[in-house]
Amino acid sequence: LAAAYHLCDQMDMNEGICNHLTVMVPGTNDRFLCVPYGLLWSEVTASNLLLVNGNGDVLEGTGEIDSTAFHIHKAIHKRGVVAVLHTHQPYATALCCTDAQDGGFKLEMCHQNSLRFWNEIAYDDEFNGLVLDDDEGERLVKVMNGRRILMHQSHGIIVCGASVAEAFDDLYYLERAARQQILAQSTGKKLKLVGDDVA
């Protein structure tokens, strides 16, 4: 998990001290590791991660968990998801800032990197501000409906996986796919979509 924080920092896939990556402790569904609030991602080590339970209590480590991180990640982890990565990475988040009514806010199947996400992305076009309570965390889980990725309008993305490595792989390729799409759209030409039969 600490390595994923560093990689995100090096690849410009984080935003200051905000965003959060968590991993569930094996054999539990209510204990997970997370960065303490206020720590730069370049400063994260395995020894300064917090162990947090489903009540928000810090069981090990020094510091406190960000409230938004707790409410988003708790709701997802209690469904048995091992790794949850929430970022505001530039290109994927830029897609989240486009208007759904105007055909935006969607990762189009226009590049081979996009195809790995065919039918795996949930889109949430309801931005309610910061996630500061259990209700909003639960609402996000319902919107995800078992999909491993959420694109949250005017906010950012959530990627889930069976391990940190699996989730990070998706996080990386989602950003690459979003970048290809935005660069292609910047030409002003129509995207050439790959058919569902190939995707």
Protein backbone atom coordinates (compact mmCIF):
# COMPACT_ATOMS: atom_id res chain seq x y z
CA LEU A 1 0.00 0.00 0.00
CA ALA A 2 2.83 2.41 0.85
CA ALA A 3 4.40 1.70 -2.55
CA ALA A 4 1.10 2.53 -4.27
CA TYR A 5 1.01 5.89 -2.48
CA HIS A 6 4.54 6.61 -3.74
CA LEU A 7 3.77 5.53 -7.30
CA CYS A 8 0.67 7.74 -7.40
CA ASP A 9 2.75 10.65 -6.12
CA GLN A 10 5.47 10.07 -8.74
CA MET A 11 2.91 9.72 -11.56
CA ASP A 12 0.89 12.83 -10.59
CA MET A 13 -2.16 10.73 -9.74
CA ASN A 14 -2.86 12.40 -6.40
CA GLU A 15 -3.93 15.83 -5.24
CA GLY A 16 -1.93 17.25 -2.33
CA ILE A 17 -2.69 15.39 0.90
CA CYS A 18 -6.18 14.57 -0.31
CA ASN A 19 -7.39 11.30 -1.85
CA HIS A 20 -6.89 7.98 -0.14
CA LEU A 21 -5.82 4.41 -0.82
CA THR A 22 -6.81 1.63 1.56
CA VAL A 23 -6.42 -2.11 1.90
CA MET A 24 -8.48 -4.41 4.09
CA VAL A 25 -6.73 -6.54 6.69
CA PRO A 26 -7.01 -10.21 5.65
CA GLY A 27 -9.72 -12.13 7.49
CA THR A 28 -11.74 -9.02 8.37
CA ASN A 29 -14.30 -6.81 6.67
CA ASP A 30 -14.08 -3.89 9.08
CA ARG A 31 -10.35 -3.20 9.49
CA PHE A 32 -8.25 -1.46 6.92
CA LEU A 33 -4.98 0.41 6.50
CA CYS A 34 -4.98 4.06 5.44
CA VAL A 35 -2.69 7.07 5.42
CA PRO A 36 -2.98 9.46 8.39
CA TYR A 37 -4.61 12.76 7.47
CA GLY A 38 -2.07 15.46 6.62
CA LEU A 39 0.77 13.20 5.46
CA LEU A 40 2.21 13.84 2.01
CA TRP A 41 2.04 10.77 -0.20
CA SER A 42 5.81 10.91 -0.72
CA GLU A 43 6.18 10.52 3.07
CA VAL A 44 4.07 7.37 3.41
CA THR A 45 5.80 4.27 4.75
CA ALA A 46 4.40 0.92 5.85
CA SER A 47 5.15 1.87 9.45
CA ASN A 48 3.20 5.14 9.45
CA LEU A 49 -0.04 3.75 7.99
CA LEU A 50 -3.04 3.65 10.32
CA LEU A 51 -5.03 0.54 11.18
CA VAL A 52 -8.66 1.65 11.44
CA ASN A 53 -11.81 -0.27 12.35
CA GLY A 54 -15.39 0.11 11.11
CA ASN A 55 -16.17 2.60 13.87
CA GLY A 56 -13.37 4.93 12.79
CA ASP A 57 -11.17 4.04 15.76
CA VAL A 58 -7.42 4.09 15.13
CA LEU A 59 -6.21 0.72 16.44
CA GLU A 60 -2.57 1.16 15.46
CA GLY A 61 -0.52 4.12 14.34
CA THR A 62 -0.39 7.82 15.08
CA GLY A 63 -2.79 10.38 13.66
CA GLU A 64 -6.36 10.32 12.47
CA ILE A 65 -8.15 9.16 9.36
CA ASP A 66 -9.73 11.73 7.07
CA SER A 67 -13.52 11.68 7.51
CA THR A 68 -14.16 11.41 3.78
CA ALA A 69 -11.74 8.50 3.49
CA PHE A 70 -13.43 6.71 6.36
CA HIS A 71 -16.98 7.03 5.03
CA ILE A 72 -16.14 6.07 1.44
CA HIS A 73 -13.77 3.20 2.18
CA LYS A 74 -15.69 1.71 5.12
CA ALA A 75 -18.81 1.30 2.98
CA ILE A 76 -16.89 -0.44 0.18
CA HIS A 77 -14.66 -2.63 2.37
CA LYS A 78 -17.59 -4.03 4.32
CA ARG A 79 -18.74 -5.62 1.03
CA GLY A 80 -15.51 -7.66 1.05
CA VAL A 81 -13.51 -5.51 -1.37
CA VAL A 82 -9.82 -5.79 -0.50
CA ALA A 83 -8.27 -2.67 -2.07
CA VAL A 84 -9.96 0.70 -2.63
CA LEU A 85 -8.10 3.52 -4.39
CA HIS A 86 -9.71 6.97 -4.57
CA THR A 87 -7.90 9.66 -6.53
CA HIS A 88 -8.41 12.90 -8.40
CA GLN A 89 -5.91 11.97 -11.12
CA PRO A 90 -5.88 14.58 -13.90
CA TYR A 91 -7.29 12.95 -17.03
CA ALA A 92 -9.86 10.61 -15.50
CA THR A 93 -11.02 13.42 -13.23
CA ALA A 94 -11.23 15.78 -16.21
CA LEU A 95 -13.72 13.36 -17.79
CA CYS A 96 -15.70 13.50 -14.53
CA CYS A 97 -15.95 17.28 -14.97
CA THR A 98 -17.70 17.12 -18.35
CA ASP A 99 -21.45 17.40 -18.76
CA ALA A 100 -23.27 14.07 -18.99
CA GLN A 101 -26.11 15.80 -20.87
CA ASP A 102 -23.67 16.77 -23.62
CA GLY A 103 -22.35 13.26 -24.21
CA GLY A 104 -19.41 13.73 -21.84
CA PHE A 105 -18.62 12.12 -18.48
CA LYS A 106 -17.94 8.72 -19.98
CA LEU A 107 -14.90 6.69 -20.82
CA GLU A 108 -15.50 5.80 -24.44
CA MET A 109 -14.34 2.51 -25.92
CA CYS A 110 -12.01 4.25 -28.37
CA HIS A 111 -8.60 2.78 -27.45
CA GLN A 112 -7.31 -0.64 -26.47
CA ASN A 113 -6.61 0.61 -22.93
CA SER A 114 -10.29 1.55 -22.62
CA LEU A 115 -11.49 -1.93 -23.55
CA ARG A 116 -10.35 -3.51 -20.29
CA PHE A 117 -13.00 -1.36 -18.57
CA TRP A 118 -15.91 -2.33 -20.81
CA ASN A 119 -18.97 -2.74 -18.57
CA GLU A 120 -16.81 -2.29 -15.44
CA ILE A 121 -17.41 1.43 -14.80
CA ALA A 122 -20.30 2.89 -12.84
CA TYR A 123 -21.10 6.57 -13.39
CA ASP A 124 -22.40 8.78 -10.59
CA ASP A 125 -23.76 12.08 -11.89
CA GLU A 126 -24.94 13.23 -8.45
CA PHE A 127 -22.32 15.27 -6.63
CA ASN A 128 -23.36 15.99 -3.03
CA GLY A 129 -20.16 17.60 -1.77
CA LEU A 130 -17.69 15.90 0.54
CA VAL A 131 -18.60 12.42 1.77
CA LEU A 132 -19.05 13.12 5.48
CA ASP A 133 -21.54 10.47 6.57
CA ASP A 134 -22.42 6.81 6.20
CA ASP A 135 -25.45 7.56 4.00
CA GLU A 136 -23.35 9.06 1.22
CA GLY A 137 -20.80 6.23 1.43
CA GLU A 138 -23.64 3.70 1.13
CA ARG A 139 -25.14 5.65 -1.78
CA LEU A 140 -21.84 5.41 -3.67
CA VAL A 141 -21.74 1.65 -3.10
CA LYS A 142 -25.26 1.33 -4.52
CA VAL A 143 -24.29 3.35 -7.58
CA MET A 144 -21.27 1.07 -8.09
CA ASN A 145 -23.57 -1.97 -8.05
CA GLY A 146 -20.67 -4.44 -7.96
CA ARG A 147 -18.57 -2.71 -10.61
CA ARG A 148 -14.92 -2.22 -9.82
CA ILE A 149 -14.68 1.43 -10.93
CA LEU A 150 -16.73 4.52 -10.13
CA MET A 151 -16.45 7.79 -12.01
CA HIS A 152 -17.95 10.41 -9.70
CA GLN A 153 -19.08 13.60 -11.44
CA SER A 154 -17.28 16.78 -10.36
CA HIS A 155 -15.14 14.74 -7.97
CA GLY A 156 -12.86 11.90 -9.09
CA ILE A 157 -12.63 8.15 -9.34
CA ILE A 158 -12.70 5.05 -7.16
CA VAL A 159 -11.01 1.84 -8.27
CA CYS A 160 -11.50 -1.45 -6.40
CA GLY A 161 -9.55 -4.68 -6.64
CA ALA A 162 -8.76 -8.02 -5.06
CA SER A 163 -5.30 -6.67 -4.18
CA VAL A 164 -3.48 -3.34 -4.17
CA ALA A 165 -1.51 -4.47 -7.24
CA GLU A 166 -4.67 -5.32 -9.19
CA ALA A 167 -6.40 -2.06 -8.26
CA PHE A 168 -3.28 -0.01 -9.05
CA ASP A 169 -2.98 -1.65 -12.47
CA ASP A 170 -6.55 -0.55 -13.25
CA LEU A 171 -5.90 2.91 -11.79
CA TYR A 172 -2.90 3.37 -14.07
CA TYR A 173 -4.60 2.13 -17.24
CA LEU A 174 -7.77 4.10 -16.51
CA GLU A 175 -5.67 7.27 -16.45
CA ARG A 176 -3.93 6.28 -19.70
CA ALA A 177 -7.26 5.53 -21.39
CA ALA A 178 -8.74 8.84 -20.22
CA ARG A 179 -5.65 10.65 -21.48
CA GLN A 180 -5.92 9.04 -24.93
CA GLN A 181 -9.59 9.98 -25.13
CA ILE A 182 -9.04 13.60 -24.10
CA LEU A 183 -6.13 13.98 -26.53
CA ALA A 184 -8.21 12.49 -29.35
CA GLN A 185 -11.16 14.75 -28.50
CA SER A 186 -8.85 17.78 -28.49
CA THR A 187 -8.44 17.34 -32.25
CA GLY A 188 -12.11 18.26 -32.66
CA LYS A 189 -12.69 15.08 -34.64
CA LYS A 190 -15.20 12.37 -33.83
CA LEU A 191 -13.95 9.41 -31.77
CA LYS A 192 -13.73 6.06 -33.57
CA LEU A 193 -15.38 3.62 -31.17
CA VAL A 194 -14.63 -0.09 -30.90
CA GLY A 195 -17.74 -2.25 -31.13
CA ASP A 196 -19.14 -4.15 -28.15
CA ASP A 197 -18.36 -7.45 -29.88
CA VAL A 198 -14.64 -6.63 -29.74
CA ALA A 199 -14.68 -4.81 -26.41
